[in-house]
Amino acid sequence: MAIAAVGIALLSLGVALLLAVQLRRAERQLAPLRAAVEGIELESDRLRTVVSIPPGVPINLDIPVDERVTVSVDTVLPINTRITVPIRSVLGSYDVPVPIRAEVPVRTDLSLRIRHTFRLRTRTPEGLSVPIEVGQ
């Protein structure tokens, strides 16, 4: 009877050691997930975290832009030039230089539409921390 009790005790000890080894293995596999979850804050209906991006990660983004921009122009355009006017008469043909000096005021609003897709292809030069917030 004592031999059976010792056998059961040794079997129980072996099973306990096997379970402890498997638990340690699972804990090591979950370590990266634990590190990612540690920084997450849950605040009412919002989820906040910070994602760390290591240096050298490739970034390939296409950023579409479709915007209307109003540019106000309020300036004076100076004109200082000389033109040659041909004059034909019974006395002959003459080219007469005529100086033109003026200041033309320009006041207007220009509406510009910018439609372009900007392509960003780069790598992170250093580590980045990107805050992310999901919720209402």
Protein backbone atom coordinates (compact mmCIF):
# COMPACT_ATOMS: atom_id res chain seq x y z
CA MET A 1 0.00 0.00 0.00
CA ALA A 2 2.85 2.37 0.80
CA ILE A 3 4.38 1.70 -2.63
CA ALA A 4 1.10 2.64 -4.33
CA ALA A 5 0.92 5.88 -2.32
CA VAL A 6 4.52 6.77 -3.27
CA GLY A 7 3.72 5.97 -6.93
CA ILE A 8 0.63 8.20 -6.89
CA ALA A 9 2.61 10.99 -5.19
CA LEU A 10 5.40 10.74 -7.82
CA LEU A 11 2.83 10.70 -10.64
CA SER A 12 1.12 13.76 -9.14
CA LEU A 13 4.48 15.54 -8.84
CA GLY A 14 5.32 14.71 -12.48
CA VAL A 15 1.97 16.07 -13.71
CA ALA A 16 2.46 19.26 -11.63
CA LEU A 17 5.94 19.79 -13.14
CA LEU A 18 4.58 19.22 -16.67
CA LEU A 19 1.81 21.77 -16.11
CA ALA A 20 4.29 24.28 -14.67
CA VAL A 21 6.55 23.95 -17.76
CA GLN A 22 3.60 24.42 -20.12
CA LEU A 23 2.40 27.45 -18.14
CA ARG A 24 5.88 29.06 -18.35
CA ARG A 25 5.98 28.43 -22.13
CA ALA A 26 2.57 30.07 -22.60
CA GLU A 27 3.67 33.01 -20.43
CA ARG A 28 6.78 33.56 -22.60
CA GLN A 29 4.69 33.45 -25.79
CA LEU A 30 2.28 36.05 -24.42
CA ALA A 31 5.03 38.48 -23.27
CA PRO A 32 4.92 40.60 -26.49
CA LEU A 33 1.13 40.81 -26.26
CA ARG A 34 1.34 41.86 -22.62
CA ALA A 35 3.77 44.66 -23.55
CA ALA A 36 1.37 45.90 -26.24
CA VAL A 37 -1.66 45.81 -23.96
CA GLU A 38 0.00 47.52 -20.98
CA GLY A 39 -0.27 51.01 -22.51
CA ILE A 40 -3.98 50.78 -23.36
CA GLU A 41 -6.33 52.99 -21.38
CA LEU A 42 -10.08 52.47 -21.43
CA GLU A 43 -11.95 55.62 -20.55
CA SER A 44 -15.78 55.46 -20.69
CA ASP A 45 -16.43 54.96 -24.41
CA ARG A 46 -12.91 55.68 -25.68
CA LEU A 47 -9.90 53.47 -26.15
CA ARG A 48 -6.50 55.19 -25.99
CA THR A 49 -3.06 53.77 -26.62
CA VAL A 50 0.34 54.71 -27.98
CA VAL A 51 1.87 52.61 -30.76
CA SER A 52 5.66 52.57 -30.95
CA ILE A 53 7.17 52.35 -34.44
CA PRO A 54 10.86 51.37 -34.51
CA PRO A 55 13.39 53.13 -36.78
CA GLY A 56 13.68 51.92 -40.37
CA VAL A 57 10.03 50.90 -40.87
CA PRO A 58 8.98 51.58 -44.50
CA ILE A 59 6.10 54.03 -44.94
CA ASN A 60 4.14 53.91 -48.21
CA LEU A 61 1.18 56.29 -48.23
CA ASP A 62 -1.00 57.81 -50.94
CA ILE A 63 -2.65 60.93 -49.54
CA PRO A 64 -5.51 62.23 -51.70
CA VAL A 65 -6.14 65.98 -51.47
CA ASP A 66 -9.26 67.67 -52.89
CA GLU A 67 -9.56 71.16 -51.41
CA ARG A 68 -10.77 74.59 -52.36
CA VAL A 69 -8.58 77.45 -51.18
CA THR A 70 -9.39 81.15 -51.47
CA VAL A 71 -6.41 83.42 -51.98
CA SER A 72 -6.90 87.16 -51.50
CA VAL A 73 -4.84 89.34 -53.81
CA ASP A 74 -4.36 93.01 -52.92
CA THR A 75 -1.40 94.48 -54.74
CA VAL A 76 -0.28 97.13 -57.20
CA LEU A 77 1.37 96.12 -60.45
CA PRO A 78 3.86 98.76 -61.60
CA ILE A 79 4.26 99.15 -65.35
CA ASN A 80 7.32 100.91 -66.68
CA THR A 81 7.92 100.17 -70.34
CA ARG A 82 8.37 101.78 -73.71
CA ILE A 83 6.56 100.86 -76.90
CA THR A 84 7.30 101.92 -80.44
CA VAL A 85 4.38 103.33 -82.41
CA PRO A 86 4.75 103.54 -86.19
CA ILE A 87 3.36 106.78 -87.61
CA ARG A 88 2.72 107.06 -91.35
CA SER A 89 2.04 110.42 -92.87
CA VAL A 90 2.52 112.27 -96.11
CA LEU A 91 5.83 113.46 -94.76
CA GLY A 92 7.07 109.90 -94.23
CA SER A 93 7.00 106.99 -91.80
CA TYR A 94 8.37 107.41 -88.35
CA ASP A 95 8.71 105.08 -85.36
CA VAL A 96 7.94 107.08 -82.25
CA PRO A 97 8.91 105.64 -78.84
CA VAL A 98 6.16 106.15 -76.28
CA PRO A 99 6.97 105.64 -72.58
CA ILE A 100 4.27 104.02 -70.47
CA ARG A 101 4.37 104.40 -66.72
CA ALA A 102 1.41 103.27 -64.63
CA GLU A 103 0.38 101.54 -61.45
CA VAL A 104 -2.49 99.10 -61.79
CA PRO A 105 -4.22 98.14 -58.52
CA VAL A 106 -5.34 94.52 -58.33
CA ARG A 107 -7.82 93.49 -55.65
CA THR A 108 -9.56 90.15 -56.02
CA ASP A 109 -10.20 86.78 -54.41
CA LEU A 110 -8.99 83.78 -56.36
CA SER A 111 -10.65 80.44 -55.72
CA LEU A 112 -8.20 77.63 -56.29
CA ARG A 113 -9.03 73.94 -56.35
CA ILE A 114 -6.21 71.61 -55.36
CA ARG A 115 -6.69 68.03 -56.53
CA HIS A 116 -3.67 65.82 -56.21
CA THR A 117 -2.58 62.56 -54.66
CA PHE A 118 0.64 62.95 -52.76
CA ARG A 119 2.77 59.81 -52.67
CA LEU A 120 4.88 59.40 -49.57
CA ARG A 121 7.59 56.74 -49.78
CA THR A 122 10.10 56.81 -46.95
CA ARG A 123 11.41 55.02 -43.88
CA THR A 124 11.14 56.19 -40.31
CA PRO A 125 14.45 57.87 -39.47
CA GLU A 126 14.02 57.27 -35.75
CA GLY A 127 11.52 55.63 -33.46
CA LEU A 128 8.06 57.17 -33.42
CA SER A 129 5.32 57.11 -30.79
CA VAL A 130 1.89 57.50 -32.38
CA PRO A 131 -1.04 58.20 -30.03
CA ILE A 132 -4.28 56.48 -31.13
CA GLU A 133 -7.75 57.19 -29.79
CA VAL A 134 -10.79 55.20 -30.85
CA GLY A 135 -14.29 56.08 -29.77
CA GLN A 136 -16.99 58.69 -29.96
